[in-house]
Amino acid sequence: MRHAKFIARTVFVHNNDVEAACKILNRILGREDILDQYRRTRFFEKPFQFRRRINFERCKSIYNEDMDRKIQFVLRKNRMDPFPGSS
């Protein structure tokens, strides 16, 4: 079942199927990092843990950006040589 785009995190319950609606809501909250933010603010985060988490998130974003760029390069279309370096 395809769900419509969400407005203000509203989830519709179809045919009294509350469990499916909860799964959809949890997926939305997980994708938007709301659950992670809630878990982080439940307890005090020590300064060294905060610095470690921030540095990890920076490194992860740099790595993901680099991998996306490499994947886009490999998946390019309309190239003269579709497999560079293999000749």
Protein backbone atom coordinates (compact mmCIF):
# COMPACT_ATOMS: atom_id res chain seq x y z
CA MET A 1 0.00 0.00 0.00
CA ARG A 2 1.50 3.31 -1.08
CA HIS A 3 1.09 6.06 1.45
CA ALA A 4 0.51 9.66 0.43
CA LYS A 5 3.14 12.27 1.16
CA PHE A 6 3.09 13.19 4.80
CA ILE A 7 1.97 16.55 6.08
CA ALA A 8 3.15 17.31 9.61
CA ARG A 9 3.83 13.60 10.23
CA THR A 10 0.18 12.61 9.88
CA VAL A 11 -0.44 8.90 9.39
CA PHE A 12 -3.82 7.65 8.27
CA VAL A 13 -5.25 4.43 9.73
CA HIS A 14 -6.95 2.35 7.04
CA ASN A 15 -9.46 -0.41 7.94
CA ASN A 16 -8.65 -0.10 11.67
CA ASP A 17 -5.15 -1.45 11.03
CA VAL A 18 -3.33 0.42 13.80
CA GLU A 19 -0.20 -1.78 13.67
CA ALA A 20 0.49 -0.90 10.04
CA ALA A 21 0.02 2.79 10.85
CA CYS A 22 2.48 2.49 13.76
CA LYS A 23 5.04 0.85 11.47
CA ILE A 24 4.67 3.68 8.98
CA LEU A 25 5.00 6.28 11.75
CA ASN A 26 8.12 4.60 13.15
CA ARG A 27 9.63 4.52 9.65
CA ILE A 28 8.95 8.25 9.22
CA LEU A 29 10.41 9.12 12.61
CA GLY A 30 13.46 6.96 11.98
CA ARG A 31 14.09 8.46 8.54
CA GLU A 32 13.93 12.00 9.92
CA ASP A 33 16.26 11.16 12.85
CA ILE A 34 13.64 12.17 15.40
CA LEU A 35 14.02 8.91 17.34
CA ASP A 36 17.82 9.32 17.46
CA GLN A 37 17.45 12.88 18.68
CA TYR A 38 15.02 11.71 21.37
CA ARG A 39 17.40 8.97 22.51
CA ARG A 40 20.29 11.43 22.65
CA THR A 41 18.40 13.92 24.81
CA ARG A 42 17.06 11.34 27.27
CA PHE A 43 20.37 11.25 29.13
CA PHE A 44 23.18 13.72 29.55
CA GLU A 45 25.85 13.37 26.89
CA LYS A 46 29.33 13.96 28.21
CA PRO A 47 31.41 16.50 26.28
CA PHE A 48 33.86 13.89 24.96
CA GLN A 49 30.96 11.74 23.76
CA PHE A 50 29.42 14.78 22.08
CA ARG A 51 32.69 15.61 20.31
CA ARG A 52 33.15 11.97 19.28
CA ARG A 53 29.60 11.78 17.87
CA ILE A 54 29.92 15.07 15.99
CA ASN A 55 33.27 14.03 14.47
CA PHE A 56 31.84 10.65 13.48
CA GLU A 57 28.83 12.29 11.81
CA ARG A 58 31.14 14.65 9.89
CA CYS A 59 33.35 11.80 8.71
CA LYS A 60 30.31 9.76 7.76
CA SER A 61 28.81 12.59 5.71
CA ILE A 62 32.13 13.19 3.92
CA TYR A 63 32.44 9.48 3.17
CA ASN A 64 28.85 9.23 1.91
CA GLU A 65 29.30 12.30 -0.29
CA ASP A 66 32.50 10.87 -1.75
CA MET A 67 30.88 7.48 -2.40
CA ASP A 68 27.87 9.12 -4.05
CA ARG A 69 30.20 11.07 -6.32
CA LYS A 70 32.09 7.89 -7.27
CA ILE A 71 28.87 5.97 -7.89
CA GLN A 72 27.53 8.78 -10.08
CA PHE A 73 30.80 8.75 -12.03
CA VAL A 74 30.56 5.01 -12.64
CA LEU A 75 26.89 5.21 -13.61
CA ARG A 76 27.38 8.03 -16.14
CA LYS A 77 25.77 7.49 -19.49
CA ASN A 78 26.67 8.67 -23.01
CA ARG A 79 30.40 8.26 -22.48
CA MET A 80 32.83 7.71 -25.31
CA ASP A 81 34.48 4.87 -23.37
CA PRO A 82 31.85 3.30 -21.08
CA PHE A 83 34.49 1.37 -19.13
CA PRO A 84 37.48 3.69 -18.64
CA GLY A 85 40.77 1.95 -18.03
CA SER A 86 39.63 -1.48 -19.20
CA SER A 87 41.06 -1.32 -22.76
